[in-house]
Amino acid sequence: MEKNYEKFASVYDAIMDDSLYDLWTDFSLRHLPKDKENKKLLELACGTGIQSICFKKAGFDVTGLDLSAGMLDLAGKRAEAAHVDVPFVQGNMLDLSPIGNFDFVTCYSDSLCYLQDEVEVGDTFKEVYDHLNEGGIFIFDVHSTYQTDEVFPGYSYHENAEDFAMVWDTYEDEAPHSVVHELTFFIQNEDGHFTRYDEVHEERTYELLTYDILLEQAGFKKVSVYADFEDKEPTKTSKRWFFVCEK
């Protein structure tokens, strides 16, 4: 399957709303110090590297970390094509010990929602805290409980292109505030035939208070919460929560 990552990633990138990367970048720039010169930024769950390259172009000294070697291979090619130098490291956000300390850490695209339970979320917060320099800032986003409970269940998305097709269905899962995304891809081979690939993505979020408690337990004393890429407080129908945490 690893050799098909290039195809998978091209499909992911094709269905991903590109404008979101600019929104994540803009949000970050509003909530990080203006002096970016030589400031070290770690992007957790960097995937195919688009956001890391945005941060590099914005003036940060960026390192990208992801579990997937295939995604990181693509990220490296993307950075090379963009003529920027971004080291991409294969690793797990549950153990940041091999990669040193940073001034800023980001984790976007609801990547924390893929962790198994709140214990892993808390462990990740502690890892980030321990690898932030004093006064460092950690920014991340997660799905709101409204998104997992009301918006996602029953969601269905179909895409038909010349060389691939995709069916995406989302269902409520057993744990509170959790969903399962079932994705089926049909990707065209060089001989013109299509091969089917199935993926299951499980995501889970928690109440705002749970995140606050886990962040406090990790050591963060100053935490601000916003919603949907804007500098406003979450409402009952906010879909994405943003946390800005200072060490």
Protein backbone atom coordinates (compact mmCIF):
# COMPACT_ATOMS: atom_id res chain seq x y z
CA MET A 1 0.00 0.00 0.00
CA GLU A 2 2.92 2.37 0.70
CA LYS A 3 3.71 2.68 -2.99
CA ASN A 4 0.17 3.94 -3.57
CA TYR A 5 0.62 6.79 -1.10
CA GLU A 6 1.44 9.17 -3.90
CA LYS A 7 -1.92 8.38 -5.47
CA PHE A 8 -3.73 8.56 -2.13
CA ALA A 9 -2.14 11.87 -1.25
CA SER A 10 -2.99 13.34 -4.62
CA VAL A 11 -6.60 12.30 -3.99
CA TYR A 12 -6.55 13.75 -0.46
CA ASP A 13 -5.03 16.97 -1.74
CA ALA A 14 -7.58 17.10 -4.56
CA ILE A 15 -10.55 16.90 -2.17
CA MET A 16 -9.01 19.12 0.51
CA ASP A 17 -10.15 22.73 0.50
CA ASP A 18 -6.88 24.57 -0.24
CA SER A 19 -8.19 27.80 1.26
CA LEU A 20 -8.06 26.18 4.74
CA TYR A 21 -4.26 26.27 4.73
CA ASP A 22 -4.33 30.05 4.33
CA LEU A 23 -6.86 30.28 7.15
CA TRP A 24 -4.66 28.16 9.48
CA THR A 25 -1.66 30.28 8.54
CA ASP A 26 -3.53 33.55 9.13
CA PHE A 27 -4.87 32.35 12.49
CA SER A 28 -1.37 31.33 13.55
CA LEU A 29 0.18 34.64 12.52
CA ARG A 30 -2.44 36.53 14.54
CA HIS A 31 -1.66 34.53 17.69
CA LEU A 32 2.11 34.12 17.48
CA PRO A 33 4.64 36.89 18.23
CA LYS A 34 5.41 39.18 15.31
CA ASP A 35 9.14 38.52 15.64
CA LYS A 36 9.51 35.25 13.68
CA GLU A 37 13.23 35.54 12.97
CA ASN A 38 14.86 32.17 13.72
CA LYS A 39 11.85 31.08 15.77
CA LYS A 40 11.56 27.30 15.72
CA LEU A 41 8.11 25.93 14.86
CA LEU A 42 7.13 22.25 15.04
CA GLU A 43 4.11 21.20 13.01
CA LEU A 44 2.59 17.98 14.35
CA ALA A 45 0.79 15.64 11.92
CA CYS A 46 2.18 17.60 8.97
CA GLY A 47 0.93 15.11 6.35
CA THR A 48 1.95 16.06 2.82
CA GLY A 49 3.66 19.24 4.00
CA ILE A 50 1.44 21.99 2.60
CA GLN A 51 0.99 23.75 5.96
CA SER A 52 4.67 23.38 6.88
CA ILE A 53 5.67 25.10 3.65
CA CYS A 54 3.16 27.91 4.35
CA PHE A 55 4.83 28.45 7.74
CA LYS A 56 8.30 28.37 6.22
CA LYS A 57 7.33 31.00 3.66
CA ALA A 58 5.88 33.09 6.51
CA GLY A 59 9.35 33.23 8.08
CA PHE A 60 9.48 30.42 10.68
CA ASP A 61 12.23 27.82 11.09
CA VAL A 62 9.91 24.83 10.53
CA THR A 63 10.13 21.11 11.30
CA GLY A 64 7.30 18.80 10.24
CA LEU A 65 6.48 15.57 12.07
CA ASP A 66 4.19 12.78 10.93
CA LEU A 67 3.68 9.04 11.50
CA SER A 68 3.55 8.20 7.80
CA ALA A 69 6.78 7.73 5.89
CA GLY A 70 4.82 7.85 2.63
CA MET A 71 3.26 11.20 3.43
CA LEU A 72 6.64 12.57 4.51
CA ASP A 73 8.22 11.43 1.26
CA LEU A 74 5.64 13.50 -0.59
CA ALA A 75 6.17 16.42 1.79
CA GLY A 76 9.89 16.36 1.01
CA LYS A 77 9.22 16.42 -2.73
CA ARG A 78 6.76 19.26 -2.26
CA ALA A 79 9.28 21.33 -0.27
CA GLU A 80 11.93 20.69 -2.91
CA ALA A 81 9.57 21.86 -5.65
CA ALA A 82 8.80 24.99 -3.61
CA HIS A 83 12.55 25.61 -3.11
CA VAL A 84 12.28 25.70 0.67
CA ASP A 85 14.26 23.79 3.28
CA VAL A 86 11.95 22.02 5.74
CA PRO A 87 13.16 18.93 7.62
CA PHE A 88 10.39 16.31 7.82
CA VAL A 89 10.69 13.77 10.64
CA GLN A 90 8.88 10.47 11.01
CA GLY A 91 7.62 10.22 14.57
CA ASN A 92 4.71 10.00 16.98
CA MET A 93 3.29 13.03 18.78
CA LEU A 94 3.02 10.82 21.87
CA ASP A 95 6.83 10.82 22.09
CA LEU A 96 8.64 14.00 21.05
CA SER A 97 11.87 13.17 22.92
CA PRO A 98 14.02 12.67 19.77
CA ILE A 99 13.44 16.12 18.27
CA GLY A 100 14.43 18.75 20.82
CA ASN A 101 12.68 21.96 21.86
CA PHE A 102 10.70 24.57 19.96
CA ASP A 103 9.35 28.08 20.38
CA PHE A 104 5.99 27.18 18.83
CA VAL A 105 4.06 23.97 18.17
CA THR A 106 0.99 23.63 15.96
CA CYS A 107 -1.36 20.72 15.33
CA TYR A 108 -4.10 21.48 12.82
CA SER A 109 -6.73 19.75 10.69
CA ASP A 110 -8.31 18.07 13.76
CA SER A 111 -5.34 15.70 13.94
CA LEU A 112 -5.67 15.34 17.72
CA CYS A 113 -9.14 13.85 17.16
CA TYR A 114 -7.46 10.73 15.72
CA LEU A 115 -5.89 9.87 19.08
CA GLN A 116 -7.48 6.89 20.78
CA ASP A 117 -8.77 8.46 23.99
CA GLU A 118 -8.37 11.39 26.34
CA VAL A 119 -5.37 9.71 27.99
CA GLU A 120 -3.48 9.96 24.69
CA VAL A 121 -4.65 13.55 24.24
CA GLY A 122 -3.37 14.41 27.73
CA ASP A 123 -0.08 12.61 27.06
CA THR A 124 0.37 14.59 23.83
CA PHE A 125 -0.29 17.88 25.66
CA LYS A 126 2.39 16.92 28.22
CA GLU A 127 4.88 16.04 25.46
CA VAL A 128 4.24 19.38 23.77
CA TYR A 129 4.60 21.28 27.05
CA ASP A 130 7.89 19.54 27.84
CA HIS A 131 9.30 20.40 24.39
CA LEU A 132 8.25 24.05 24.33
CA ASN A 133 10.72 26.73 25.33
CA GLU A 134 9.67 28.99 28.21
CA GLY A 135 7.00 31.40 26.93
CA GLY A 136 6.40 29.10 23.96
CA ILE A 137 2.99 28.78 22.33
CA PHE A 138 0.99 25.68 21.34
CA ILE A 139 -1.91 26.14 18.88
CA PHE A 140 -4.25 23.36 17.81
CA ASP A 141 -7.76 22.80 16.53
CA VAL A 142 -10.29 20.01 17.14
CA HIS A 143 -13.83 19.25 16.09
CA SER A 144 -16.49 20.68 18.36
CA THR A 145 -18.99 18.33 20.00
CA TYR A 146 -21.64 19.97 17.80
CA GLN A 147 -19.69 18.88 14.73
CA THR A 148 -19.35 15.24 15.84
CA ASP A 149 -22.86 14.95 17.33
CA GLU A 150 -25.01 16.95 14.90
CA VAL A 151 -23.16 17.72 11.66
CA PHE A 152 -21.14 14.61 10.83
CA PRO A 153 -23.56 11.68 11.39
CA GLY A 154 -25.23 10.92 8.07
CA TYR A 155 -22.71 13.03 6.13
CA SER A 156 -22.13 11.71 2.61
CA TYR A 157 -19.79 13.04 -0.07
CA HIS A 158 -19.16 11.63 -3.55
CA GLU A 159 -16.58 12.81 -6.04
CA ASN A 160 -16.11 11.71 -9.63
CA ALA A 161 -13.02 12.71 -11.58
CA GLU A 162 -11.45 11.26 -14.72
CA ASP A 163 -8.80 9.23 -12.92
CA PHE A 164 -10.42 8.64 -9.54
CA ALA A 165 -13.73 8.43 -7.76
CA MET A 166 -14.46 8.61 -4.06
CA VAL A 167 -17.33 7.81 -1.72
CA TRP A 168 -17.17 9.23 1.81
CA ASP A 169 -19.78 8.37 4.44
CA THR A 170 -19.71 9.32 8.12
CA TYR A 171 -21.51 7.56 10.96
CA GLU A 172 -21.86 8.06 14.69
CA ASP A 173 -19.53 5.81 16.69
CA GLU A 174 -19.98 4.18 20.12
CA ALA A 175 -17.90 6.50 22.31
CA PRO A 176 -19.37 9.92 23.19
CA HIS A 177 -18.63 12.60 20.56
CA SER A 178 -17.03 10.12 18.15
CA VAL A 179 -17.56 9.33 14.47
CA VAL A 180 -16.35 6.88 11.84
CA HIS A 181 -15.51 8.06 8.32
CA GLU A 182 -15.70 5.27 5.74
CA LEU A 183 -13.83 6.17 2.56
CA THR A 184 -13.75 4.19 -0.66
CA PHE A 185 -11.43 5.26 -3.47
CA PHE A 186 -11.37 4.04 -7.05
CA ILE A 187 -8.00 5.02 -8.52
CA GLN A 188 -7.12 4.53 -12.16
CA ASN A 189 -4.05 2.44 -12.97
CA GLU A 190 -1.71 2.99 -15.90
CA ASP A 191 -3.56 0.32 -17.90
CA GLY A 192 -6.81 2.28 -17.53
CA HIS A 193 -8.44 -0.08 -15.03
CA PHE A 194 -9.54 1.15 -11.62
CA THR A 195 -8.42 -0.32 -8.29
CA ARG A 196 -10.58 0.00 -5.19
CA TYR A 197 -9.13 1.03 -1.82
CA ASP A 198 -11.07 1.20 1.45
CA GLU A 199 -10.11 3.25 4.49
CA VAL A 200 -11.74 3.77 7.88
CA HIS A 201 -10.95 6.90 9.88
CA GLU A 202 -12.12 7.17 13.49
CA GLU A 203 -12.30 10.57 15.16
CA ARG A 204 -13.26 11.61 18.66
CA THR A 205 -13.54 14.90 20.48
CA TYR A 206 -14.38 15.98 24.04
CA GLU A 207 -16.13 18.73 25.92
CA LEU A 208 -14.33 22.08 26.13
CA LEU A 209 -13.89 21.57 29.87
CA THR A 210 -12.08 18.27 29.26
CA TYR A 211 -9.52 19.97 27.00
CA ASP A 212 -9.08 22.75 29.57
CA ILE A 213 -8.42 20.23 32.36
CA LEU A 214 -5.99 18.17 30.27
CA LEU A 215 -4.07 21.30 29.24
CA GLU A 216 -3.88 22.48 32.86
CA GLN A 217 -2.68 19.05 33.98
CA ALA A 218 0.03 19.21 31.30
CA GLY A 219 1.23 22.52 32.79
CA PHE A 220 -0.38 25.17 30.57
CA LYS A 221 -1.57 28.08 32.72
CA LYS A 222 -2.78 30.49 30.04
CA VAL A 223 -5.26 29.06 27.49
CA SER A 224 -7.52 30.97 25.10
CA VAL A 225 -10.28 29.29 23.06
CA TYR A 226 -11.65 30.50 19.72
CA ALA A 227 -13.87 29.08 17.00
CA ASP A 228 -13.97 28.48 13.24
CA PHE A 229 -10.72 30.30 12.33
CA GLU A 230 -11.95 33.57 13.85
CA ASP A 231 -10.97 35.41 17.01
CA LYS A 232 -14.33 34.86 18.62
CA GLU A 233 -15.58 32.69 21.45
CA PRO A 234 -17.19 29.34 20.60
CA THR A 235 -20.98 29.19 20.36
CA LYS A 236 -23.30 26.18 20.49
CA THR A 237 -23.02 25.74 16.72
CA SER A 238 -19.27 26.33 16.26
CA LYS A 239 -17.79 23.46 14.25
CA ARG A 240 -14.10 23.79 15.01
CA TRP A 241 -12.47 24.88 18.26
CA PHE A 242 -9.05 26.57 18.33
CA PHE A 243 -6.83 26.58 21.42
CA VAL A 244 -3.93 28.97 21.97
CA CYS A 245 -1.84 27.81 24.93
CA GLU A 246 1.15 29.58 26.44
CA LYS A 247 3.88 27.93 28.51
